[in-house]
Every structure is written in structure tokens, then in C-alpha cells.
C-alpha atoms as a PDB file:
ATOM      1  CA  UNK A   1     -14.217 -26.237 -16.481  1.00  0.00           C
ATOM      2  CA  UNK A   2     -15.047 -23.827 -19.276  1.00  0.00           C
ATOM      3  CA  UNK A   3     -16.062 -20.240 -19.738  1.00  0.00           C
ATOM      4  CA  UNK A   4     -14.137 -17.028 -19.388  1.00  0.00           C
ATOM      5  CA  UNK A   5     -11.436 -16.697 -16.749  1.00  0.00           C
ATOM      6  CA  UNK A   6     -11.366 -13.874 -14.221  1.00  0.00           C
ATOM      7  CA  UNK A   7      -8.712 -11.992 -12.313  1.00  0.00           C
ATOM      8  CA  UNK A   8      -9.650 -10.632  -8.881  1.00  0.00           C
ATOM      9  CA  UNK A   9      -7.543  -7.784  -7.490  1.00  0.00           C
ATOM     10  CA  UNK A  10      -8.213  -8.119  -3.765  1.00  0.00           C
ATOM     11  CA  UNK A  11      -7.380  -5.537  -1.124  1.00  0.00           C
ATOM     12  CA  UNK A  12      -6.354  -7.430   2.014  1.00  0.00           C
ATOM     13  CA  UNK A  13      -5.807  -4.566   4.450  1.00  0.00           C
ATOM     14  CA  UNK A  14      -2.667  -3.336   6.135  1.00  0.00           C
ATOM     15  CA  UNK A  15      -1.536  -6.625   7.640  1.00  0.00           C
ATOM     16  CA  UNK A  16      -4.012  -7.780  10.277  1.00  0.00           C
ATOM     17  CA  UNK A  17      -5.992 -10.776   8.931  1.00  0.00           C
ATOM     18  CA  UNK A  18      -8.936  -9.475  10.981  1.00  0.00           C
ATOM     19  CA  UNK A  19      -9.097  -6.365   8.802  1.00  0.00           C
ATOM     20  CA  UNK A  20      -9.895  -8.299   5.626  1.00  0.00           C
ATOM     21  CA  UNK A  21     -13.448  -7.458   4.523  1.00  0.00           C
ATOM     22  CA  UNK A  22     -16.241 -10.019   4.242  1.00  0.00           C
ATOM     23  CA  UNK A  23     -16.359  -9.526   0.461  1.00  0.00           C
ATOM     24  CA  UNK A  24     -12.603 -10.025   0.217  1.00  0.00           C
ATOM     25  CA  UNK A  25     -12.831 -13.255   2.240  1.00  0.00           C
ATOM     26  CA  UNK A  26     -15.503 -14.543  -0.165  1.00  0.00           C
ATOM     27  CA  UNK A  27     -13.214 -13.689  -3.089  1.00  0.00           C
ATOM     28  CA  UNK A  28     -10.273 -15.492  -1.492  1.00  0.00           C
ATOM     29  CA  UNK A  29     -12.382 -18.590  -0.965  1.00  0.00           C
ATOM     30  CA  UNK A  30     -13.570 -18.500  -4.571  1.00  0.00           C
ATOM     31  CA  UNK A  31     -10.131 -18.256  -6.162  1.00  0.00           C
ATOM     32  CA  UNK A  32      -8.402 -21.189  -7.825  1.00  0.00           C
ATOM     33  CA  UNK A  33      -4.927 -19.675  -8.007  1.00  0.00           C
ATOM     34  CA  UNK A  34      -3.102 -16.833  -6.277  1.00  0.00           C
ATOM     35  CA  UNK A  35      -0.328 -14.941  -8.036  1.00  0.00           C
ATOM     36  CA  UNK A  36       2.507 -13.716  -5.809  1.00  0.00           C
ATOM     37  CA  UNK A  37       5.099 -11.197  -6.934  1.00  0.00           C
ATOM     38  CA  UNK A  38       7.821 -11.925  -4.398  1.00  0.00           C
ATOM     39  CA  UNK A  39      10.192  -9.202  -3.251  1.00  0.00           C
ATOM     40  CA  UNK A  40      13.831 -10.279  -2.943  1.00  0.00           C
ATOM     41  CA  UNK A  41      15.711 -10.666   0.325  1.00  0.00           C
ATOM     42  CA  UNK A  42      14.123  -9.801   3.640  1.00  0.00           C
ATOM     43  CA  UNK A  43      11.085  -8.271   1.911  1.00  0.00           C
ATOM     44  CA  UNK A  44      10.015 -11.846   1.115  1.00  0.00           C
ATOM     45  CA  UNK A  45       8.291 -11.497   4.498  1.00  0.00           C
ATOM     46  CA  UNK A  46       5.542  -9.617   2.646  1.00  0.00           C
ATOM     47  CA  UNK A  47       4.675 -12.827   0.815  1.00  0.00           C
ATOM     48  CA  UNK A  48       4.767 -14.732   4.103  1.00  0.00           C
ATOM     49  CA  UNK A  49       2.189 -12.290   5.459  1.00  0.00           C
ATOM     50  CA  UNK A  50       0.010 -12.912   2.413  1.00  0.00           C
ATOM     51  CA  UNK A  51       0.209 -16.617   3.123  1.00  0.00           C
ATOM     52  CA  UNK A  52      -0.877 -15.930   6.722  1.00  0.00           C
ATOM     53  CA  UNK A  53      -3.955 -14.108   5.395  1.00  0.00           C
ATOM     54  CA  UNK A  54      -4.785 -17.095   3.188  1.00  0.00           C
ATOM     55  CA  UNK A  55      -4.257 -19.522   6.059  1.00  0.00           C
ATOM     56  CA  UNK A  56      -6.624 -17.495   8.237  1.00  0.00           C
ATOM     57  CA  UNK A  57      -9.422 -17.230   5.688  1.00  0.00           C
ATOM     58  CA  UNK A  58      -9.013 -20.234   3.370  1.00  0.00           C
ATOM     59  CA  UNK A  59      -8.024 -22.911   5.900  1.00  0.00           C
ATOM     60  CA  UNK A  60      -8.792 -25.870   3.638  1.00  0.00           C
ATOM     61  CA  UNK A  61      -5.892 -24.870   1.382  1.00  0.00           C
ATOM     62  CA  UNK A  62      -7.785 -25.784  -1.759  1.00  0.00           C
ATOM     63  CA  UNK A  63      -5.889 -23.433  -4.059  1.00  0.00           C
ATOM     64  CA  UNK A  64      -2.657 -23.043  -5.970  1.00  0.00           C
ATOM     65  CA  UNK A  65       0.029 -20.402  -5.432  1.00  0.00           C
ATOM     66  CA  UNK A  66       2.162 -19.258  -8.365  1.00  0.00           C
ATOM     67  CA  UNK A  67       5.249 -17.203  -7.565  1.00  0.00           C
ATOM     68  CA  UNK A  68       7.505 -14.971  -9.602  1.00  0.00           C
ATOM     69  CA  UNK A  69      10.131 -12.456  -8.572  1.00  0.00           C
ATOM     70  CA  UNK A  70       8.933  -8.872  -8.700  1.00  0.00           C
ATOM     71  CA  UNK A  71      11.096  -6.940 -11.197  1.00  0.00           C
ATOM     72  CA  UNK A  72      13.246  -4.310  -9.472  1.00  0.00           C
ATOM     73  CA  UNK A  73      12.472  -0.643 -10.018  1.00  0.00           C
ATOM     74  CA  UNK A  74      15.194   1.870 -10.867  1.00  0.00           C
ATOM     75  CA  UNK A  75      15.003   4.181  -7.834  1.00  0.00           C
ATOM     76  CA  UNK A  76      17.837   6.478  -8.899  1.00  0.00           C
ATOM     77  CA  UNK A  77      16.703   7.226 -12.450  1.00  0.00           C
ATOM     78  CA  UNK A  78      16.608  10.899 -13.407  1.00  0.00           C
ATOM     79  CA  UNK A  79      13.111  10.534 -14.875  1.00  0.00           C
ATOM     80  CA  UNK A  80      10.859   9.191 -12.093  1.00  0.00           C
ATOM     81  CA  UNK A  81       7.720   8.828 -14.215  1.00  0.00           C
ATOM     82  CA  UNK A  82       9.606   7.044 -17.019  1.00  0.00           C
ATOM     83  CA  UNK A  83      11.176   4.679 -14.479  1.00  0.00           C
ATOM     84  CA  UNK A  84       7.745   3.793 -13.083  1.00  0.00           C
ATOM     85  CA  UNK A  85       6.324   3.172 -16.575  1.00  0.00           C
ATOM     86  CA  UNK A  86       9.273   0.886 -17.365  1.00  0.00           C
ATOM     87  CA  UNK A  87       8.823  -1.000 -14.082  1.00  0.00           C
ATOM     88  CA  UNK A  88       5.089  -1.489 -14.651  1.00  0.00           C
ATOM     89  CA  UNK A  89       5.727  -2.790 -18.161  1.00  0.00           C
ATOM     90  CA  UNK A  90       8.173  -5.365 -16.853  1.00  0.00           C
ATOM     91  CA  UNK A  91       5.710  -6.330 -14.117  1.00  0.00           C
ATOM     92  CA  UNK A  92       3.036  -6.790 -16.791  1.00  0.00           C
ATOM     93  CA  UNK A  93       5.408  -9.078 -18.719  1.00  0.00           C
ATOM     94  CA  UNK A  94       5.792 -11.282 -15.634  1.00  0.00           C
ATOM     95  CA  UNK A  95       2.069 -11.279 -14.814  1.00  0.00           C
ATOM     96  CA  UNK A  96       1.097 -12.075 -18.405  1.00  0.00           C
ATOM     97  CA  UNK A  97       3.364 -15.123 -18.310  1.00  0.00           C
ATOM     98  CA  UNK A  98       1.928 -16.336 -15.006  1.00  0.00           C
ATOM     99  CA  UNK A  99      -1.665 -15.896 -16.138  1.00  0.00           C
ATOM    100  CA  UNK A 100      -1.085 -17.539 -19.520  1.00  0.00           C
ATOM    101  CA  UNK A 101       0.617 -20.563 -17.977  1.00  0.00           C
ATOM    102  CA  UNK A 102      -1.447 -21.098 -14.839  1.00  0.00           C
ATOM    103  CA  UNK A 103      -4.987 -19.715 -15.272  1.00  0.00           C
ATOM    104  CA  UNK A 104      -7.316 -22.054 -17.111  1.00  0.00           C
ATOM    105  CA  UNK A 105     -10.656 -21.317 -18.811  1.00  0.00           C
ATOM    106  CA  UNK A 106     -13.361 -20.556 -16.254  1.00  0.00           C
ATOM    107  CA  UNK A 107     -10.879 -20.301 -13.385  1.00  0.00           C
ATOM    108  CA  UNK A 108     -10.427 -17.371 -11.017  1.00  0.00           C
ATOM    109  CA  UNK A 109      -6.971 -15.991 -10.296  1.00  0.00           C
ATOM    110  CA  UNK A 110      -6.233 -13.402  -7.634  1.00  0.00           C
ATOM    111  CA  UNK A 111      -3.601 -10.820  -6.794  1.00  0.00           C
ATOM    112  CA  UNK A 112      -3.526  -9.909  -3.099  1.00  0.00           C
ATOM    113  CA  UNK A 113      -2.830  -6.207  -2.621  1.00  0.00           C
ATOM    114  CA  UNK A 114      -1.753  -4.605   0.645  1.00  0.00           C
ATOM    115  CA  UNK A 115      -4.193  -1.982   1.850  1.00  0.00           C
ATOM    116  CA  UNK A 116      -6.493  -0.798  -0.914  1.00  0.00           C
ATOM    117  CA  UNK A 117      -5.717  -1.480  -4.601  1.00  0.00           C
ATOM    118  CA  UNK A 118      -6.743   2.050  -5.600  1.00  0.00           C
ATOM    119  CA  UNK A 119      -4.196   3.805  -3.376  1.00  0.00           C
ATOM    120  CA  UNK A 120      -0.572   3.969  -4.558  1.00  0.00           C
ATOM    121  CA  UNK A 121      -0.531   0.461  -5.967  1.00  0.00           C
ATOM    122  CA  UNK A 122       0.189  -0.574  -9.549  1.00  0.00           C
ATOM    123  CA  UNK A 123      -1.553  -3.942  -9.911  1.00  0.00           C
ATOM    124  CA  UNK A 124      -4.795  -2.561 -11.373  1.00  0.00           C
ATOM    125  CA  UNK A 125      -2.816  -0.797 -14.106  1.00  0.00           C
ATOM    126  CA  UNK A 126      -0.626  -3.862 -14.648  1.00  0.00           C
ATOM    127  CA  UNK A 127      -3.633  -6.177 -15.040  1.00  0.00           C
ATOM    128  CA  UNK A 128      -5.248  -3.680 -17.442  1.00  0.00           C
ATOM    129  CA  UNK A 129      -2.017  -3.672 -19.456  1.00  0.00           C
ATOM    130  CA  UNK A 130      -2.018  -7.481 -19.649  1.00  0.00           C
ATOM    131  CA  UNK A 131      -5.677  -7.561 -20.715  1.00  0.00           C
ATOM    132  CA  UNK A 132      -5.069  -4.886 -23.340  1.00  0.00           C
ATOM    133  CA  UNK A 133      -2.322  -6.918 -24.997  1.00  0.00           C
ATOM    134  CA  UNK A 134      -4.900  -9.547 -25.953  1.00  0.00           C
ATOM    135  CA  UNK A 135      -2.672 -12.607 -25.562  1.00  0.00           C
ATOM    136  CA  UNK A 136      -4.723 -13.886 -22.616  1.00  0.00           C
ATOM    137  CA  UNK A 137      -8.426 -13.256 -22.124  1.00  0.00           C
ATOM    138  CA  UNK A 138     -10.076 -12.682 -18.769  1.00  0.00           C
ATOM    139  CA  UNK A 139     -12.494 -10.415 -16.938  1.00  0.00           C
ATOM    140  CA  UNK A 140     -11.308  -8.280 -14.038  1.00  0.00           C
ATOM    141  CA  UNK A 141     -12.875  -7.532 -10.674  1.00  0.00           C
ATOM    142  CA  UNK A 142     -11.471  -5.227  -7.978  1.00  0.00           C
ATOM    143  CA  UNK A 143     -12.348  -5.575  -4.299  1.00  0.00           C
ATOM    144  CA  UNK A 144     -11.432  -2.657  -2.022  1.00  0.00           C
ATOM    145  CA  UNK A 145      -9.503  -3.077   1.196  1.00  0.00           C
ATOM    146  CA  UNK A 146      -8.786  -1.190   4.396  1.00  0.00           C
ATOM    147  CA  UNK A 147      -5.917   1.101   3.468  1.00  0.00           C
ATOM    148  CA  UNK A 148      -2.783   1.520   5.553  1.00  0.00           C
ATOM    149  CA  UNK A 149      -3.718   5.135   6.185  1.00  0.00           C
ATOM    150  CA  UNK A 150      -7.206   4.180   7.378  1.00  0.00           C
ATOM    151  CA  UNK A 151      -5.573   1.748   9.789  1.00  0.00           C
ATOM    152  CA  UNK A 152      -3.074   4.443  10.817  1.00  0.00           C
ATOM    153  CA  UNK A 153      -5.814   6.937  11.680  1.00  0.00           C
ATOM    154  CA  UNK A 154      -7.746   4.277  13.586  1.00  0.00           C
ATOM    155  CA  UNK A 155      -4.690   3.242  15.616  1.00  0.00           C
ATOM    156  CA  UNK A 156      -4.036   6.849  16.589  1.00  0.00           C
ATOM    157  CA  UNK A 157      -7.741   7.575  17.141  1.00  0.00           C
ATOM    158  CA  UNK A 158      -7.782  10.607  14.846  1.00  0.00           C
ATOM    159  CA  UNK A 159      -9.604  11.792  11.735  1.00  0.00           C
ATOM    160  CA  UNK A 160      -7.945  12.697   8.459  1.00  0.00           C
ATOM    161  CA  UNK A 161      -9.277  16.250   8.383  1.00  0.00           C
ATOM    162  CA  UNK A 162     -10.168  19.016  10.788  1.00  0.00           C
ATOM    163  CA  UNK A 163     -13.609  20.632  10.883  1.00  0.00           C
ATOM    164  CA  UNK A 164     -14.524  21.998   7.451  1.00  0.00           C
ATOM    165  CA  UNK A 165     -10.969  21.387   6.270  1.00  0.00           C
ATOM    166  CA  UNK A 166      -9.521  19.532   3.319  1.00  0.00           C
ATOM    167  CA  UNK A 167      -7.019  16.683   3.408  1.00  0.00           C
ATOM    168  CA  UNK A 168      -4.512  15.692   0.747  1.00  0.00           C
ATOM    169  CA  UNK A 169      -2.834  12.321   0.249  1.00  0.00           C
ATOM    170  CA  UNK A 170       0.607  12.719  -1.246  1.00  0.00           C
ATOM    171  CA  UNK A 171       4.110  11.271  -1.365  1.00  0.00           C
ATOM    172  CA  UNK A 172       7.284  12.169   0.460  1.00  0.00           C
ATOM    173  CA  UNK A 173       8.800  13.238  -2.859  1.00  0.00           C
ATOM    174  CA  UNK A 174       6.069  15.850  -3.344  1.00  0.00           C
ATOM    175  CA  UNK A 175       6.001  16.976   0.295  1.00  0.00           C
ATOM    176  CA  UNK A 176       9.732  17.674   0.099  1.00  0.00           C
ATOM    177  CA  UNK A 177       8.938  20.217  -2.627  1.00  0.00           C
ATOM    178  CA  UNK A 178       6.569  22.148  -0.343  1.00  0.00           C
ATOM    179  CA  UNK A 179       3.447  21.898   1.779  1.00  0.00           C
ATOM    180  CA  UNK A 180       0.417  21.543  -0.544  1.00  0.00           C
ATOM    181  CA  UNK A 181      -1.625  24.720  -1.014  1.00  0.00           C
ATOM    182  CA  UNK A 182      -5.059  24.973   0.535  1.00  0.00           C
ATOM    183  CA  UNK A 183      -4.785  22.130   3.056  1.00  0.00           C
ATOM    184  CA  UNK A 184      -3.707  21.869   6.664  1.00  0.00           C
ATOM    185  CA  UNK A 185      -3.814  18.080   6.867  1.00  0.00           C
ATOM    186  CA  UNK A 186      -1.449  16.035   4.709  1.00  0.00           C
ATOM    187  CA  UNK A 187      -1.273  12.247   4.625  1.00  0.00           C
ATOM    188  CA  UNK A 188       2.114  11.113   3.384  1.00  0.00           C
ATOM    189  CA  UNK A 189       3.100   7.752   1.915  1.00  0.00           C
ATOM    190  CA  UNK A 190       6.247   6.454   0.230  1.00  0.00           C
ATOM    191  CA  UNK A 191       8.567   8.813   2.086  1.00  0.00           C
ATOM    192  CA  UNK A 192      12.031   7.321   1.825  1.00  0.00           C
ATOM    193  CA  UNK A 193      13.680  10.661   2.610  1.00  0.00           C
ATOM    194  CA  UNK A 194      11.909  11.732   5.832  1.00  0.00           C
ATOM    195  CA  UNK A 195      10.362  14.795   4.200  1.00  0.00           C
ATOM    196  CA  UNK A 196       8.593  15.770   7.446  1.00  0.00           C
ATOM    197  CA  UNK A 197      11.970  16.978   8.779  1.00  0.00           C
ATOM    198  CA  UNK A 198      11.599  19.974   6.499  1.00  0.00           C
ATOM    199  CA  UNK A 199       8.794  21.284   8.723  1.00  0.00           C
ATOM    200  CA  UNK A 200      10.168  20.782  12.251  1.00  0.00           C
ATOM    201  CA  UNK A 201      10.575  24.531  12.767  1.00  0.00           C
ATOM    202  CA  UNK A 202       7.016  25.390  11.780  1.00  0.00           C
ATOM    203  CA  UNK A 203       4.882  26.143  14.846  1.00  0.00           C
ATOM    204  CA  UNK A 204       1.696  24.220  15.520  1.00  0.00           C
ATOM    205  CA  UNK A 205       2.520  21.154  13.391  1.00  0.00           C
ATOM    206  CA  UNK A 206       1.795  17.683  14.770  1.00  0.00           C
ATOM    207  CA  UNK A 207       2.483  14.253  13.315  1.00  0.00           C
ATOM    208  CA  UNK A 208       0.852  10.850  13.662  1.00  0.00           C
ATOM    209  CA  UNK A 209       3.308   8.261  12.302  1.00  0.00           C
ATOM    210  CA  UNK A 210       3.137   4.500  12.040  1.00  0.00           C
ATOM    211  CA  UNK A 211       5.143   1.647  10.558  1.00  0.00           C
ATOM    212  CA  UNK A 212       4.056  -1.947   9.861  1.00  0.00           C
ATOM    213  CA  UNK A 213       0.563  -0.903  10.965  1.00  0.00           C
ATOM    214  CA  UNK A 214      -1.684  -3.891  11.564  1.00  0.00           C
ATOM    215  CA  UNK A 215       1.168  -6.383  12.017  1.00  0.00           C
ATOM    216  CA  UNK A 216       2.939  -7.756  15.076  1.00  0.00           C
ATOM    217  CA  UNK A 217       5.786  -5.295  14.435  1.00  0.00           C
ATOM    218  CA  UNK A 218       3.553  -2.190  14.488  1.00  0.00           C
ATOM    219  CA  UNK A 219       5.214   1.000  15.746  1.00  0.00           C
ATOM    220  CA  UNK A 220       3.281   4.215  16.471  1.00  0.00           C
ATOM    221  CA  UNK A 221       4.606   7.670  17.407  1.00  0.00           C
ATOM    222  CA  UNK A 222       2.705  10.944  17.599  1.00  0.00           C
ATOM    223  CA  UNK A 223       3.074  14.427  19.014  1.00  0.00           C
ATOM    224  CA  UNK A 224       4.327  17.916  18.154  1.00  0.00           C
ATOM    225  CA  UNK A 225       6.554  17.509  15.134  1.00  0.00           C
ATOM    226  CA  UNK A 226       9.477  19.417  16.612  1.00  0.00           C
ATOM    227  CA  UNK A 227       9.457  17.191  19.686  1.00  0.00           C
ATOM    228  CA  UNK A 228       9.160  13.761  18.032  1.00  0.00           C
ATOM    229  CA  UNK A 229      10.672  14.139  14.540  1.00  0.00           C
ATOM    230  CA  UNK A 230      14.121  12.913  15.510  1.00  0.00           C
ATOM    231  CA  UNK A 231      12.627  10.016  17.472  1.00  0.00           C
ATOM    232  CA  UNK A 232      10.660   8.990  14.370  1.00  0.00           C
ATOM    233  CA  UNK A 233      13.748   9.208  12.172  1.00  0.00           C
ATOM    234  CA  UNK A 234      15.819   7.086  14.555  1.00  0.00           C
ATOM    235  CA  UNK A 235      13.027   4.537  15.039  1.00  0.00           C
ATOM    236  CA  UNK A 236      12.458   4.296  11.286  1.00  0.00           C
ATOM    237  CA  UNK A 237      16.160   3.794  10.545  1.00  0.00           C
ATOM    238  CA  UNK A 238      16.501   1.070  13.199  1.00  0.00           C
ATOM    239  CA  UNK A 239      13.356  -0.731  12.035  1.00  0.00           C
ATOM    240  CA  UNK A 240      14.443  -0.698   8.420  1.00  0.00           C
ATOM    241  CA  UNK A 241      17.920  -1.925   9.301  1.00  0.00           C
ATOM    242  CA  UNK A 242      16.499  -4.744  11.443  1.00  0.00           C
ATOM    243  CA  UNK A 243      13.915  -5.995   8.927  1.00  0.00           C
ATOM    244  CA  UNK A 244      15.466  -4.956   5.620  1.00  0.00           C
ATOM    245  CA  UNK A 245      12.286  -3.141   4.538  1.00  0.00           C
ATOM    246  CA  UNK A 246       9.724  -0.734   5.935  1.00  0.00           C
ATOM    247  CA  UNK A 247       6.123   0.217   5.220  1.00  0.00           C
ATOM    248  CA  UNK A 248       5.140   3.451   6.955  1.00  0.00           C
ATOM    249  CA  UNK A 249       2.914   6.482   6.548  1.00  0.00           C
ATOM    250  CA  UNK A 250       1.946   9.532   8.554  1.00  0.00           C
ATOM    251  CA  UNK A 251      -0.538  12.339   9.001  1.00  0.00           C
ATOM    252  CA  UNK A 252       1.046  15.780   9.192  1.00  0.00           C
ATOM    253  CA  UNK A 253      -1.330  18.344  10.715  1.00  0.00           C
ATOM    254  CA  UNK A 254      -1.019  22.113  10.841  1.00  0.00           C
ATOM    255  CA  UNK A 255      -3.150  23.829  13.467  1.00  0.00           C
ATOM    256  CA  UNK A 256      -5.997  25.822  11.970  1.00  0.00           C
ATOM    257  CA  UNK A 257      -7.087  29.179  13.430  1.00  0.00           C
ATOM    258  CA  UNK A 258     -10.176  29.009  15.600  1.00  0.00           C
ATOM    259  CA  UNK A 259     -13.373  30.723  14.484  1.00  0.00           C
ATOM    260  CA  UNK A 260     -12.730  33.542  16.917  1.00  0.00           C
ATOM    261  CA  UNK A 261      -9.169  34.070  15.772  1.00  0.00           C
ATOM    262  CA  UNK A 262     -10.262  34.196  12.153  1.00  0.00           C
ATOM    263  CA  UNK A 263     -12.473  37.231  12.691  1.00  0.00           C
END
């Protein structure tokens, strides 16, 4: 086999193999090798879930899987942005090695990304870094996926925004610093510190929370924030302790004045 190699960055949804798009399935079936960055400890289950997606959509098993341990990120560093840059560089080092050693000319390699690769995921940037170094040559293709927050909204049967309103996607770190200006609907990801607790005393705030959305372990809680916040915190702590890891997100909604009240 000759020609130029290609790397596919494939969004595989939030966990349910049924949520993988038709285009993503075609990409999975066209790949020669899949690159897994395995998390240590209990979080290895994330790789097991990736294997379940492959088993569901590429049942003939005509592919190779190359594994490497995902470099740890310094989560207590004073400079958050610098810590992320360092982590991505070390991830690129690992990915460059895997691609150089296991992707042949004309072959297609794939990274399977939870949710959508464009939303709070680093693999696109990591692959761009590897390509920019010039040691290995390949083309890149990105296939979108159903994001965890899209699945969250669907499970709760809600929309992201209210009529004529804006919505902002942010992190728990930023929400802890204050509710974003100009929006009443905030979608929050990567909240290790339960930033929603800051707003339990604000009237008219509701929350739609979910963990492990799209998997067999899915947990959903919603309601007035003041009434369910502690239940969410306790449920989240128990789930994380039981599994050793957690993937969750939530929609925080502030009631908007009606048209009549605004006059």
C-alpha cells in the first residue's frame, strides 16, 4: 500500500453506540489502526467503552489497536494555561511515536473522541502539533460527533436557550468566578468543584444535570437549583468514589422576565 497516510479524528458520541453518526461509522470501518490513549486506573473503562463502540460498528475486527498511557496533567499548577500547554505537548510526543511506528504509507489511523472533537477536547490540537513537527507526514480529517451536552439536553427534553436568548458553554472554573454577562442559560463542563453551589440562593435558577450520559451508568437530576443542588453533590461524590472517575455536565438556567413583565 502506498500513498499518503491519513489521521481521522472521529467523534463517537457520549457513550451510546447508537449515537455514532453514519459518517463516523464509515470512518471506523475504513480505518486500519486505532490509537488509544489509555487513562490509568479505573478510568481505563473509557478505553473499554471505545472498544464496545468498535465491536458494535466494525464487527469483523479487521483493524489494529495501538495503546499508550495518556500523560498525566498537573491539576494543581498555579498557571492553568501553562499546565495545559505542557500536557498537550507531552500528549503530542506520545501520539507522534505511535503514528511513526504504527501508521504505514497509505494507511488510515483514527483517534476516537468522546462527544464532539471540537468541544473541550485536545486531540485536534495535538494532531496538528504532530503534523507541524514534520517528522511524520499525513493528512487529517475530522468527523463531528454528538456532544455530551447535546445528549444531556435530549435526555432531559430541553433546549439550550430560552426564546430569543443566548446560551454560553463554559467551564466550572469560569462559572465559579461569576455568572457570564448577557446570558441566562449556561452550559457547564469540567466542573470538578461543584461551581453551581455558588448560585443556590439565587431565585428562579434551575439545573439539568447528568453524569455518564449515554452509558449504562447514566444519572440524571433536574429541578430548582436550591432544591436539588445538595442531591447532585452527594450523587456526584458517590458516583465518582464508586467508579474512580466521572464525566458530567449541566445546564444552569435563570428565569427570564416575561414580555409583560419587561414593559
